[in-house]
Amino acid sequence: MSNACVHIVDDDEAIRDALAWMLKSRNLTSRCYDSAESFLANWSPELGGCVVMDMRMSGMTGFDCFEALLNQGSTLPVIFLTGHGDVPLAVATLKKGAFDFFEKPFDDHALVNRIHEALTADACRRAADATVDSVRNRLASLTARERQIMELVLAGKFNKVIADELKISMRTVEVHRANLFDKMQVKTAVELANLLKGSN
């Protein structure tokens, strides 16, 4: 989480500066944007961290920006700030998946705590995604025969039974099985099953 960044999106320069200073004093890295449009122009799926965004800005609103992010597949946790006690809007935003909603003036400690939680959630999600990608890449490296044998191994069948079912020698099954385990980076059928289960 050391490279995590808090993206501050607010059209009020004083608020941006105050938030950036507060985060810096808590050893958190931040980057400021003066509009939703500016943030969207810099957004990419690789962008990590979390977003702290004003709900009501000139130009595109925070809510519209959030919807645009969702439409582009963003999973960045978004914490909204608002100076207007708009309960229906807060409820709608949270129902759409916003991480949290704070009314100004907000409690610094409470906001920083939620930012830490948002950064942790983003880091965990990215780590899980990386694991899934890694397993997918390993699966893609298997030959058709290795995949066939993998399914039979996962079904709990012994090498002799697999050899009989596929009408190949037991030695061939052993070689394919060894290659399969090597490519999937596991040592046992149980490890293989757990790896595939954990990547789903």
N, C-alpha and C. Protein backbone atom coordinates (compact mmCIF):
# COMPACT_ATOMS: atom_id res chain seq x y z
N MET A 1 0.82 -1.19 0.00
CA MET A 1 0.00 0.00 0.00
C MET A 1 0.87 1.25 0.00
N SER A 2 2.20 1.08 -0.01
CA SER A 2 3.07 2.25 0.08
C SER A 2 2.95 3.17 -1.13
N ASN A 3 2.58 2.60 -2.31
CA ASN A 3 2.44 3.43 -3.50
C ASN A 3 1.02 3.93 -3.69
N ALA A 4 0.14 3.68 -2.75
CA ALA A 4 -1.26 4.07 -2.89
C ALA A 4 -1.38 5.59 -2.87
N CYS A 5 -2.31 6.07 -3.68
CA CYS A 5 -2.50 7.52 -3.80
C CYS A 5 -3.96 7.85 -3.54
N VAL A 6 -4.18 8.95 -2.85
CA VAL A 6 -5.54 9.46 -2.64
C VAL A 6 -5.77 10.53 -3.69
N HIS A 7 -6.74 10.33 -4.55
CA HIS A 7 -7.05 11.28 -5.62
C HIS A 7 -8.12 12.24 -5.11
N ILE A 8 -7.74 13.48 -4.94
CA ILE A 8 -8.66 14.49 -4.41
C ILE A 8 -9.27 15.25 -5.59
N VAL A 9 -10.59 15.19 -5.69
CA VAL A 9 -11.29 15.86 -6.79
C VAL A 9 -12.25 16.89 -6.19
N ASP A 10 -11.91 18.16 -6.34
CA ASP A 10 -12.74 19.23 -5.76
C ASP A 10 -12.44 20.52 -6.51
N ASP A 11 -13.49 21.27 -6.84
CA ASP A 11 -13.27 22.52 -7.57
C ASP A 11 -12.91 23.68 -6.65
N ASP A 12 -12.87 23.43 -5.34
CA ASP A 12 -12.49 24.46 -4.37
C ASP A 12 -11.01 24.27 -4.01
N GLU A 13 -10.19 25.21 -4.44
CA GLU A 13 -8.74 25.09 -4.22
C GLU A 13 -8.38 24.99 -2.75
N ALA A 14 -9.10 25.76 -1.91
CA ALA A 14 -8.80 25.75 -0.48
C ALA A 14 -9.05 24.36 0.12
N ILE A 15 -10.14 23.74 -0.31
CA ILE A 15 -10.45 22.38 0.20
C ILE A 15 -9.40 21.39 -0.29
N ARG A 16 -9.04 21.50 -1.57
CA ARG A 16 -8.02 20.59 -2.11
C ARG A 16 -6.72 20.70 -1.32
N ASP A 17 -6.29 21.94 -1.12
CA ASP A 17 -5.03 22.16 -0.39
C ASP A 17 -5.11 21.65 1.04
N ALA A 18 -6.25 21.90 1.69
CA ALA A 18 -6.40 21.47 3.09
C ALA A 18 -6.37 19.94 3.18
N LEU A 19 -7.06 19.29 2.26
CA LEU A 19 -7.07 17.82 2.28
C LEU A 19 -5.68 17.26 1.98
N ALA A 20 -5.01 17.84 0.99
CA ALA A 20 -3.67 17.36 0.63
C ALA A 20 -2.71 17.54 1.81
N TRP A 21 -2.81 18.67 2.49
CA TRP A 21 -1.95 18.92 3.66
C TRP A 21 -2.25 17.93 4.77
N MET A 22 -3.54 17.72 5.02
CA MET A 22 -3.94 16.79 6.09
C MET A 22 -3.41 15.39 5.79
N LEU A 23 -3.55 14.96 4.52
CA LEU A 23 -3.09 13.61 4.16
C LEU A 23 -1.57 13.50 4.24
N LYS A 24 -0.89 14.56 3.81
CA LYS A 24 0.57 14.55 3.89
C LYS A 24 1.02 14.44 5.34
N SER A 25 0.31 15.12 6.24
CA SER A 25 0.67 15.06 7.66
C SER A 25 0.45 13.66 8.23
N ARG A 26 -0.34 12.83 7.52
CA ARG A 26 -0.58 11.44 7.95
C ARG A 26 0.22 10.46 7.08
N ASN A 27 1.21 10.99 6.37
CA ASN A 27 2.07 10.16 5.50
C ASN A 27 1.31 9.48 4.37
N LEU A 28 0.29 10.14 3.86
CA LEU A 28 -0.46 9.61 2.74
C LEU A 28 -0.20 10.48 1.51
N THR A 29 0.06 9.81 0.39
CA THR A 29 0.30 10.52 -0.86
C THR A 29 -1.03 10.90 -1.50
N SER A 30 -1.08 12.11 -2.06
CA SER A 30 -2.32 12.52 -2.72
C SER A 30 -1.99 13.23 -4.03
N ARG A 31 -3.01 13.31 -4.88
CA ARG A 31 -2.91 14.05 -6.13
C ARG A 31 -4.22 14.81 -6.29
N CYS A 32 -4.11 16.09 -6.65
CA CYS A 32 -5.31 16.93 -6.71
C CYS A 32 -5.78 17.17 -8.15
N TYR A 33 -7.10 17.26 -8.31
CA TYR A 33 -7.73 17.55 -9.59
C TYR A 33 -8.77 18.65 -9.33
N ASP A 34 -8.82 19.64 -10.21
CA ASP A 34 -9.74 20.76 -9.96
C ASP A 34 -11.12 20.56 -10.56
N SER A 35 -11.35 19.40 -11.18
CA SER A 35 -12.68 19.12 -11.73
C SER A 35 -12.83 17.63 -11.97
N ALA A 36 -14.09 17.20 -12.11
CA ALA A 36 -14.36 15.81 -12.43
C ALA A 36 -13.79 15.49 -13.81
N GLU A 37 -13.92 16.45 -14.72
CA GLU A 37 -13.42 16.23 -16.08
C GLU A 37 -11.90 16.00 -16.07
N SER A 38 -11.20 16.77 -15.26
CA SER A 38 -9.74 16.63 -15.17
C SER A 38 -9.37 15.25 -14.64
N PHE A 39 -10.11 14.80 -13.63
CA PHE A 39 -9.81 13.47 -13.07
C PHE A 39 -10.08 12.38 -14.11
N LEU A 40 -11.23 12.48 -14.79
CA LEU A 40 -11.57 11.46 -15.78
C LEU A 40 -10.54 11.41 -16.91
N ALA A 41 -10.01 12.57 -17.27
CA ALA A 41 -9.00 12.62 -18.33
C ALA A 41 -7.72 11.89 -17.92
N ASN A 42 -7.48 11.82 -16.63
CA ASN A 42 -6.26 11.15 -16.12
C ASN A 42 -6.52 9.74 -15.62
N TRP A 43 -7.79 9.32 -15.61
CA TRP A 43 -8.11 7.99 -15.08
C TRP A 43 -7.69 6.90 -16.07
N SER A 44 -7.23 5.80 -15.54
CA SER A 44 -6.99 4.60 -16.34
C SER A 44 -7.23 3.41 -15.41
N PRO A 45 -7.48 2.22 -15.97
CA PRO A 45 -7.75 1.06 -15.11
C PRO A 45 -6.60 0.75 -14.15
N GLU A 46 -5.40 1.18 -14.51
CA GLU A 46 -4.23 0.90 -13.66
C GLU A 46 -4.14 1.84 -12.46
N LEU A 47 -4.93 2.91 -12.48
CA LEU A 47 -4.85 3.90 -11.40
C LEU A 47 -5.28 3.26 -10.09
N GLY A 48 -4.41 3.29 -9.09
CA GLY A 48 -4.73 2.68 -7.80
C GLY A 48 -4.97 3.70 -6.72
N GLY A 49 -5.42 3.21 -5.57
CA GLY A 49 -5.66 4.08 -4.42
C GLY A 49 -7.13 4.25 -4.15
N CYS A 50 -7.54 5.47 -3.91
CA CYS A 50 -8.95 5.77 -3.71
C CYS A 50 -9.20 7.21 -4.13
N VAL A 51 -10.48 7.56 -4.22
CA VAL A 51 -10.87 8.91 -4.65
C VAL A 51 -11.64 9.58 -3.52
N VAL A 52 -11.28 10.82 -3.23
CA VAL A 52 -12.07 11.66 -2.31
C VAL A 52 -12.60 12.80 -3.17
N MET A 53 -13.91 12.81 -3.37
CA MET A 53 -14.48 13.71 -4.37
C MET A 53 -15.66 14.52 -3.83
N ASP A 54 -15.65 15.80 -4.19
CA ASP A 54 -16.79 16.66 -3.83
C ASP A 54 -18.00 16.24 -4.65
N MET A 55 -19.15 16.26 -4.02
CA MET A 55 -20.35 15.85 -4.75
C MET A 55 -20.82 16.93 -5.71
N ARG A 56 -20.78 18.20 -5.24
CA ARG A 56 -21.29 19.28 -6.09
C ARG A 56 -20.15 20.15 -6.56
N MET A 57 -19.84 20.05 -7.84
CA MET A 57 -18.78 20.87 -8.44
C MET A 57 -19.34 21.57 -9.65
N SER A 58 -18.70 22.66 -10.04
CA SER A 58 -19.11 23.31 -11.28
C SER A 58 -18.74 22.36 -12.43
N GLY A 59 -19.51 22.38 -13.49
CA GLY A 59 -19.30 21.40 -14.55
C GLY A 59 -19.89 20.07 -14.14
N MET A 60 -19.17 19.00 -14.43
CA MET A 60 -19.66 17.66 -14.09
C MET A 60 -19.72 17.48 -12.58
N THR A 61 -20.81 16.93 -12.06
CA THR A 61 -20.93 16.72 -10.61
C THR A 61 -20.15 15.46 -10.21
N GLY A 62 -19.96 15.32 -8.91
CA GLY A 62 -19.29 14.13 -8.42
C GLY A 62 -20.07 12.87 -8.75
N PHE A 63 -21.39 12.97 -8.63
CA PHE A 63 -22.24 11.80 -8.93
C PHE A 63 -22.10 11.39 -10.39
N ASP A 64 -22.13 12.39 -11.30
CA ASP A 64 -21.97 12.07 -12.73
C ASP A 64 -20.59 11.46 -13.00
N CYS A 65 -19.58 12.00 -12.33
CA CYS A 65 -18.22 11.46 -12.49
C CYS A 65 -18.17 10.01 -12.01
N PHE A 66 -18.82 9.74 -10.89
CA PHE A 66 -18.86 8.38 -10.33
C PHE A 66 -19.52 7.43 -11.33
N GLU A 67 -20.63 7.86 -11.90
CA GLU A 67 -21.32 7.02 -12.90
C GLU A 67 -20.42 6.77 -14.12
N ALA A 68 -19.70 7.82 -14.54
CA ALA A 68 -18.79 7.66 -15.68
C ALA A 68 -17.68 6.66 -15.35
N LEU A 69 -17.18 6.72 -14.12
CA LEU A 69 -16.15 5.77 -13.70
C LEU A 69 -16.69 4.34 -13.71
N LEU A 70 -17.90 4.17 -13.17
CA LEU A 70 -18.49 2.83 -13.15
C LEU A 70 -18.69 2.31 -14.58
N ASN A 71 -19.13 3.19 -15.47
CA ASN A 71 -19.35 2.78 -16.86
C ASN A 71 -18.05 2.37 -17.55
N GLN A 72 -16.93 2.92 -17.07
CA GLN A 72 -15.63 2.57 -17.66
C GLN A 72 -14.99 1.38 -16.94
N GLY A 73 -15.70 0.82 -15.96
CA GLY A 73 -15.20 -0.37 -15.27
C GLY A 73 -14.30 -0.07 -14.09
N SER A 74 -14.31 1.17 -13.62
CA SER A 74 -13.46 1.51 -12.48
C SER A 74 -13.95 0.81 -11.21
N THR A 75 -13.00 0.33 -10.42
CA THR A 75 -13.34 -0.25 -9.12
C THR A 75 -12.69 0.55 -7.99
N LEU A 76 -12.18 1.73 -8.33
CA LEU A 76 -11.56 2.57 -7.29
C LEU A 76 -12.59 2.92 -6.22
N PRO A 77 -12.26 2.73 -4.95
CA PRO A 77 -13.19 3.16 -3.90
C PRO A 77 -13.34 4.69 -3.95
N VAL A 78 -14.58 5.16 -3.88
CA VAL A 78 -14.85 6.60 -3.94
C VAL A 78 -15.54 7.04 -2.65
N ILE A 79 -14.93 8.04 -2.01
CA ILE A 79 -15.52 8.66 -0.82
C ILE A 79 -16.00 10.04 -1.23
N PHE A 80 -17.29 10.32 -1.01
CA PHE A 80 -17.84 11.62 -1.39
C PHE A 80 -17.86 12.58 -0.22
N LEU A 81 -17.63 13.84 -0.56
CA LEU A 81 -17.76 14.93 0.41
C LEU A 81 -18.87 15.84 -0.11
N THR A 82 -19.67 16.36 0.80
CA THR A 82 -20.70 17.30 0.37
C THR A 82 -20.97 18.33 1.46
N GLY A 83 -21.25 19.52 1.02
CA GLY A 83 -21.61 20.59 1.97
C GLY A 83 -23.10 20.69 2.14
N HIS A 84 -23.82 19.83 1.45
CA HIS A 84 -25.28 19.86 1.49
C HIS A 84 -25.79 18.52 2.03
N GLY A 85 -26.58 18.58 3.06
CA GLY A 85 -27.12 17.37 3.66
C GLY A 85 -28.19 16.74 2.80
N ASP A 86 -27.78 16.14 1.72
CA ASP A 86 -28.72 15.57 0.76
C ASP A 86 -28.82 14.05 0.97
N VAL A 87 -29.73 13.65 1.88
CA VAL A 87 -29.83 12.24 2.25
C VAL A 87 -30.21 11.35 1.06
N PRO A 88 -31.22 11.71 0.27
CA PRO A 88 -31.55 10.82 -0.87
C PRO A 88 -30.37 10.62 -1.82
N LEU A 89 -29.61 11.70 -2.05
CA LEU A 89 -28.45 11.58 -2.93
C LEU A 89 -27.40 10.67 -2.31
N ALA A 90 -27.19 10.81 -1.00
CA ALA A 90 -26.22 9.96 -0.30
C ALA A 90 -26.63 8.50 -0.40
N VAL A 91 -27.91 8.23 -0.20
CA VAL A 91 -28.40 6.85 -0.27
C VAL A 91 -28.21 6.29 -1.69
N ALA A 92 -28.57 7.10 -2.68
CA ALA A 92 -28.43 6.65 -4.08
C ALA A 92 -26.97 6.37 -4.41
N THR A 93 -26.08 7.22 -3.92
CA THR A 93 -24.66 7.06 -4.19
C THR A 93 -24.10 5.79 -3.54
N LEU A 94 -24.49 5.58 -2.30
CA LEU A 94 -24.01 4.39 -1.60
C LEU A 94 -24.57 3.12 -2.23
N LYS A 95 -25.83 3.18 -2.69
CA LYS A 95 -26.43 2.02 -3.35
C LYS A 95 -25.70 1.68 -4.65
N LYS A 96 -25.14 2.69 -5.27
CA LYS A 96 -24.40 2.45 -6.52
C LYS A 96 -23.00 1.91 -6.26
N GLY A 97 -22.59 1.92 -4.98
CA GLY A 97 -21.31 1.31 -4.66
C GLY A 97 -20.24 2.27 -4.16
N ALA A 98 -20.62 3.51 -3.85
CA ALA A 98 -19.64 4.44 -3.28
C ALA A 98 -19.12 3.87 -1.96
N PHE A 99 -17.87 4.18 -1.63
CA PHE A 99 -17.27 3.63 -0.42
C PHE A 99 -17.84 4.31 0.82
N ASP A 100 -18.03 5.63 0.76
CA ASP A 100 -18.63 6.35 1.91
C ASP A 100 -19.05 7.74 1.47
N PHE A 101 -19.70 8.43 2.37
CA PHE A 101 -20.27 9.74 2.10
C PHE A 101 -20.10 10.58 3.36
N PHE A 102 -19.37 11.70 3.26
CA PHE A 102 -19.12 12.56 4.42
C PHE A 102 -19.72 13.94 4.19
N GLU A 103 -20.38 14.46 5.22
CA GLU A 103 -20.88 15.83 5.16
C GLU A 103 -19.81 16.78 5.68
N LYS A 104 -19.67 17.94 4.99
CA LYS A 104 -18.77 18.99 5.48
C LYS A 104 -19.52 19.81 6.55
N PRO A 105 -18.88 20.23 7.61
CA PRO A 105 -17.49 19.91 7.96
C PRO A 105 -17.41 18.47 8.48
N PHE A 106 -16.33 17.81 8.14
CA PHE A 106 -16.20 16.41 8.53
C PHE A 106 -15.13 16.26 9.61
N ASP A 107 -15.20 15.14 10.29
CA ASP A 107 -14.20 14.81 11.32
C ASP A 107 -12.96 14.26 10.60
N ASP A 108 -11.82 14.97 10.75
CA ASP A 108 -10.59 14.56 10.06
C ASP A 108 -10.22 13.10 10.34
N HIS A 109 -10.29 12.73 11.61
CA HIS A 109 -9.88 11.36 11.98
C HIS A 109 -10.79 10.31 11.33
N ALA A 110 -12.09 10.60 11.33
CA ALA A 110 -13.03 9.65 10.73
C ALA A 110 -12.78 9.53 9.23
N LEU A 111 -12.52 10.67 8.58
CA LEU A 111 -12.26 10.62 7.14
C LEU A 111 -10.96 9.87 6.84
N VAL A 112 -9.92 10.16 7.58
CA VAL A 112 -8.63 9.47 7.34
C VAL A 112 -8.77 7.97 7.60
N ASN A 113 -9.51 7.61 8.64
CA ASN A 113 -9.72 6.17 8.89
C ASN A 113 -10.41 5.49 7.71
N ARG A 114 -11.41 6.17 7.14
CA ARG A 114 -12.12 5.57 5.99
C ARG A 114 -11.20 5.54 4.76
N ILE A 115 -10.36 6.56 4.62
CA ILE A 115 -9.41 6.56 3.50
C ILE A 115 -8.46 5.36 3.62
N HIS A 116 -7.96 5.13 4.84
CA HIS A 116 -7.09 3.96 5.05
C HIS A 116 -7.82 2.67 4.67
N GLU A 117 -9.08 2.57 5.07
CA GLU A 117 -9.86 1.37 4.76
C GLU A 117 -10.06 1.24 3.24
N ALA A 118 -10.30 2.37 2.59
CA ALA A 118 -10.50 2.35 1.13
C ALA A 118 -9.21 1.93 0.42
N LEU A 119 -8.08 2.45 0.88
CA LEU A 119 -6.80 2.08 0.28
C LEU A 119 -6.51 0.59 0.47
N THR A 120 -6.81 0.09 1.66
CA THR A 120 -6.61 -1.33 1.94
C THR A 120 -7.51 -2.18 1.04
N ALA A 121 -8.77 -1.76 0.90
CA ALA A 121 -9.72 -2.51 0.05
C ALA A 121 -9.22 -2.54 -1.39
N ASP A 122 -8.72 -1.42 -1.88
CA ASP A 122 -8.22 -1.37 -3.25
C ASP A 122 -6.99 -2.26 -3.42
N ALA A 123 -6.09 -2.21 -2.43
CA ALA A 123 -4.87 -3.04 -2.51
C ALA A 123 -5.23 -4.52 -2.49
N CYS A 124 -6.18 -4.90 -1.65
CA CYS A 124 -6.59 -6.31 -1.56
C CYS A 124 -7.22 -6.76 -2.87
N ARG A 125 -8.07 -5.90 -3.45
CA ARG A 125 -8.73 -6.27 -4.70
C ARG A 125 -7.70 -6.43 -5.81
N ARG A 126 -6.74 -5.53 -5.87
CA ARG A 126 -5.72 -5.61 -6.92
C ARG A 126 -4.86 -6.87 -6.74
N ALA A 127 -4.55 -7.21 -5.50
CA ALA A 127 -3.76 -8.43 -5.26
C ALA A 127 -4.56 -9.67 -5.68
N ALA A 128 -5.86 -9.67 -5.37
CA ALA A 128 -6.71 -10.81 -5.76
C ALA A 128 -6.80 -10.89 -7.28
N ASP A 129 -6.94 -9.74 -7.94
CA ASP A 129 -7.00 -9.73 -9.40
C ASP A 129 -5.70 -10.27 -10.01
N ALA A 130 -4.57 -9.90 -9.39
CA ALA A 130 -3.28 -10.34 -9.91
C ALA A 130 -3.15 -11.86 -9.77
N THR A 131 -3.67 -12.41 -8.66
CA THR A 131 -3.62 -13.85 -8.46
C THR A 131 -4.47 -14.56 -9.51
N VAL A 132 -5.67 -14.02 -9.75
CA VAL A 132 -6.56 -14.62 -10.75
C VAL A 132 -5.90 -14.58 -12.13
N ASP A 133 -5.30 -13.45 -12.47
CA ASP A 133 -4.62 -13.33 -13.77
C ASP A 133 -3.49 -14.35 -13.89
N SER A 134 -2.74 -14.51 -12.79
CA SER A 134 -1.62 -15.45 -12.80
C SER A 134 -2.11 -16.88 -13.04
N VAL A 135 -3.18 -17.27 -12.36
CA VAL A 135 -3.73 -18.62 -12.53
C VAL A 135 -4.25 -18.80 -13.95
N ARG A 136 -4.92 -17.78 -14.47
CA ARG A 136 -5.43 -17.86 -15.85
C ARG A 136 -4.29 -18.06 -16.85
N ASN A 137 -3.19 -17.34 -16.62
CA ASN A 137 -2.04 -17.47 -17.51
C ASN A 137 -1.45 -18.88 -17.44
N ARG A 138 -1.42 -19.42 -16.21
CA ARG A 138 -0.90 -20.78 -16.05
C ARG A 138 -1.81 -21.78 -16.76
N LEU A 139 -3.13 -21.59 -16.61
CA LEU A 139 -4.08 -22.49 -17.28
C LEU A 139 -3.93 -22.40 -18.80
N ALA A 140 -3.71 -21.18 -19.28
CA ALA A 140 -3.59 -20.98 -20.74
C ALA A 140 -2.35 -21.66 -21.29
N SER A 141 -1.35 -21.91 -20.41
CA SER A 141 -0.11 -22.55 -20.89
C SER A 141 -0.24 -24.06 -21.00
N LEU A 142 -1.35 -24.65 -20.49
CA LEU A 142 -1.52 -26.10 -20.54
C LEU A 142 -1.90 -26.55 -21.94
N THR A 143 -1.40 -27.73 -22.30
CA THR A 143 -1.82 -28.32 -23.58
C THR A 143 -3.21 -28.93 -23.39
N ALA A 144 -3.84 -29.28 -24.49
CA ALA A 144 -5.17 -29.88 -24.42
C ALA A 144 -5.13 -31.17 -23.59
N ARG A 145 -4.08 -31.99 -23.80
CA ARG A 145 -3.96 -33.25 -23.04
C ARG A 145 -3.77 -32.97 -21.55
N GLU A 146 -2.94 -31.96 -21.22
CA GLU A 146 -2.71 -31.63 -19.80
C GLU A 146 -4.02 -31.15 -19.15
N ARG A 147 -4.82 -30.40 -19.89
CA ARG A 147 -6.12 -29.96 -19.36
C ARG A 147 -7.04 -31.16 -19.11
N GLN A 148 -7.00 -32.08 -20.05
CA GLN A 148 -7.82 -33.28 -19.93
C GLN A 148 -7.42 -34.06 -18.68
N ILE A 149 -6.13 -34.21 -18.49
CA ILE A 149 -5.63 -34.94 -17.33
C ILE A 149 -5.92 -34.16 -16.04
N MET A 150 -5.83 -32.85 -16.13
CA MET A 150 -6.13 -32.04 -14.94
C MET A 150 -7.56 -32.29 -14.46
N GLU A 151 -8.50 -32.35 -15.39
CA GLU A 151 -9.90 -32.57 -15.00
C GLU A 151 -10.07 -33.93 -14.33
N LEU A 152 -9.35 -34.92 -14.84
CA LEU A 152 -9.46 -36.25 -14.26
C LEU A 152 -8.76 -36.32 -12.90
N VAL A 153 -7.64 -35.62 -12.78
CA VAL A 153 -6.93 -35.55 -11.49
C VAL A 153 -7.84 -34.88 -10.46
N LEU A 154 -8.50 -33.78 -10.88
CA LEU A 154 -9.39 -33.06 -9.96
C LEU A 154 -10.61 -33.90 -9.59
N ALA A 155 -10.94 -34.84 -10.46
CA ALA A 155 -12.06 -35.74 -10.16
C ALA A 155 -11.63 -36.85 -9.21
N GLY A 156 -10.35 -36.84 -8.83
CA GLY A 156 -9.86 -37.80 -7.84
C GLY A 156 -9.42 -39.13 -8.42
N LYS A 157 -9.20 -39.17 -9.73
CA LYS A 157 -8.84 -40.45 -10.36
C LYS A 157 -7.33 -40.69 -10.32
N PHE A 158 -6.95 -41.96 -10.13
CA PHE A 158 -5.55 -42.34 -10.08
C PHE A 158 -4.98 -42.44 -11.50
N ASN A 159 -3.64 -42.42 -11.57
CA ASN A 159 -2.98 -42.46 -12.88
C ASN A 159 -3.41 -43.65 -13.73
N LYS A 160 -3.56 -44.81 -13.09
CA LYS A 160 -3.92 -46.01 -13.87
C LYS A 160 -5.32 -45.86 -14.46
N VAL A 161 -6.23 -45.32 -13.68
CA VAL A 161 -7.61 -45.12 -14.17
C VAL A 161 -7.61 -44.10 -15.31
N ILE A 162 -6.82 -43.03 -15.14
CA ILE A 162 -6.73 -42.00 -16.18
C ILE A 162 -6.16 -42.61 -17.46
N ALA A 163 -5.12 -43.42 -17.29
CA ALA A 163 -4.50 -44.06 -18.46
C ALA A 163 -5.50 -44.94 -19.19
N ASP A 164 -6.28 -45.69 -18.43
CA ASP A 164 -7.30 -46.57 -19.05
C ASP A 164 -8.36 -45.74 -19.78
N GLU A 165 -8.82 -44.67 -19.13
CA GLU A 165 -9.88 -43.84 -19.73
C GLU A 165 -9.41 -43.15 -21.00
N LEU A 166 -8.16 -42.70 -21.01
CA LEU A 166 -7.64 -41.97 -22.17
C LEU A 166 -6.94 -42.90 -23.17
N LYS A 167 -6.85 -44.16 -22.78
CA LYS A 167 -6.20 -45.17 -23.65
C LYS A 167 -4.77 -44.77 -24.00
N ILE A 168 -4.05 -44.38 -22.96
CA ILE A 168 -2.63 -44.06 -23.09
C ILE A 168 -1.88 -44.79 -21.98
N SER A 169 -0.55 -44.82 -22.08
CA SER A 169 0.21 -45.55 -21.05
C SER A 169 0.24 -44.76 -19.74
N MET A 170 0.45 -45.50 -18.66
CA MET A 170 0.53 -44.84 -17.36
C MET A 170 1.74 -43.91 -17.30
N ARG A 171 2.81 -44.30 -17.99
CA ARG A 171 4.01 -43.45 -18.00
C ARG A 171 3.69 -42.11 -18.67
N THR A 172 2.88 -42.13 -19.74
CA THR A 172 2.50 -40.89 -20.42
C THR A 172 1.65 -40.01 -19.49
N VAL A 173 0.76 -40.66 -18.75
CA VAL A 173 -0.05 -39.90 -17.78
C VAL A 173 0.87 -39.24 -16.76
N GLU A 174 1.85 -39.99 -16.28
CA GLU A 174 2.77 -39.45 -15.26
C GLU A 174 3.53 -38.23 -15.79
N VAL A 175 3.96 -38.32 -17.05
CA VAL A 175 4.71 -37.20 -17.64
C VAL A 175 3.81 -35.98 -17.76
N HIS A 176 2.59 -36.19 -18.29
CA HIS A 176 1.66 -35.06 -18.44
C HIS A 176 1.28 -34.47 -17.08
N ARG A 177 1.10 -35.35 -16.11
CA ARG A 177 0.73 -34.91 -14.77
C ARG A 177 1.86 -34.06 -14.17
N ALA A 178 3.09 -34.52 -14.36
CA ALA A 178 4.25 -33.77 -13.84
C ALA A 178 4.35 -32.40 -14.52
N ASN A 179 4.14 -32.39 -15.84
CA ASN A 179 4.17 -31.11 -16.57
C ASN A 179 3.05 -30.18 -16.09
N LEU A 180 1.87 -30.77 -15.90
CA LEU A 180 0.71 -30.02 -15.44
C LEU A 180 1.00 -29.36 -14.08
N PHE A 181 1.51 -30.15 -13.14
CA PHE A 181 1.80 -29.62 -11.81
C PHE A 181 2.90 -28.56 -11.88
N ASP A 182 3.89 -28.81 -12.74
CA ASP A 182 4.99 -27.84 -12.88
C ASP A 182 4.45 -26.51 -13.41
N LYS A 183 3.63 -26.55 -14.45
CA LYS A 183 3.09 -25.31 -15.03
C LYS A 183 2.16 -24.58 -14.06
N MET A 184 1.39 -25.37 -13.29
CA MET A 184 0.45 -24.74 -12.36
C MET A 184 1.12 -24.37 -11.04
N GLN A 185 2.39 -24.76 -10.89
CA GLN A 185 3.19 -24.43 -9.70
C GLN A 185 2.57 -25.01 -8.42
N VAL A 186 2.17 -26.28 -8.53
CA VAL A 186 1.63 -26.99 -7.35
C VAL A 186 2.35 -28.32 -7.23
N LYS A 187 2.22 -28.94 -6.05
CA LYS A 187 2.86 -30.23 -5.84
C LYS A 187 1.87 -31.37 -5.67
N THR A 188 0.63 -31.03 -5.36
CA THR A 188 -0.38 -32.08 -5.14
C THR A 188 -1.70 -31.69 -5.80
N ALA A 189 -2.55 -32.71 -5.92
CA ALA A 189 -3.88 -32.46 -6.49
C ALA A 189 -4.70 -31.54 -5.58
N VAL A 190 -4.47 -31.67 -4.28
CA VAL A 190 -5.20 -30.81 -3.33
C VAL A 190 -4.79 -29.35 -3.53
N GLU A 191 -3.48 -29.12 -3.70
CA GLU A 191 -3.01 -27.75 -3.95
C GLU A 191 -3.62 -27.21 -5.24
N LEU A 192 -3.68 -28.07 -6.25
CA LEU A 192 -4.25 -27.66 -7.53
C LEU A 192 -5.72 -27.27 -7.36
N ALA A 193 -6.46 -28.10 -6.65
CA ALA A 193 -7.88 -27.82 -6.43
C ALA A 193 -8.06 -26.51 -5.67
N ASN A 194 -7.24 -26.31 -4.63
CA ASN A 194 -7.34 -25.09 -3.83
C ASN A 194 -6.98 -23.85 -4.65
N LEU A 195 -5.96 -24.01 -5.51
CA LEU A 195 -5.54 -22.89 -6.36
C LEU A 195 -6.67 -22.47 -7.29
N LEU A 196 -7.30 -23.45 -7.92
CA LEU A 196 -8.38 -23.13 -8.86
C LEU A 196 -9.61 -22.61 -8.12
N LYS A 197 -9.87 -23.15 -6.95
CA LYS A 197 -11.01 -22.68 -6.15
C LYS A 197 -10.80 -21.25 -5.72
N GLY A 198 -9.56 -20.93 -5.31
CA GLY A 198 -9.26 -19.58 -4.83
C GLY A 198 -9.24 -18.53 -5.92
N SER A 199 -9.10 -18.96 -7.17
CA SER A 199 -9.03 -18.00 -8.26
C SER A 199 -10.38 -17.74 -8.90
N ASN A 200 -11.41 -18.47 -8.45
CA ASN A 200 -12.75 -18.26 -9.01
C ASN A 200 -13.41 -17.04 -8.41
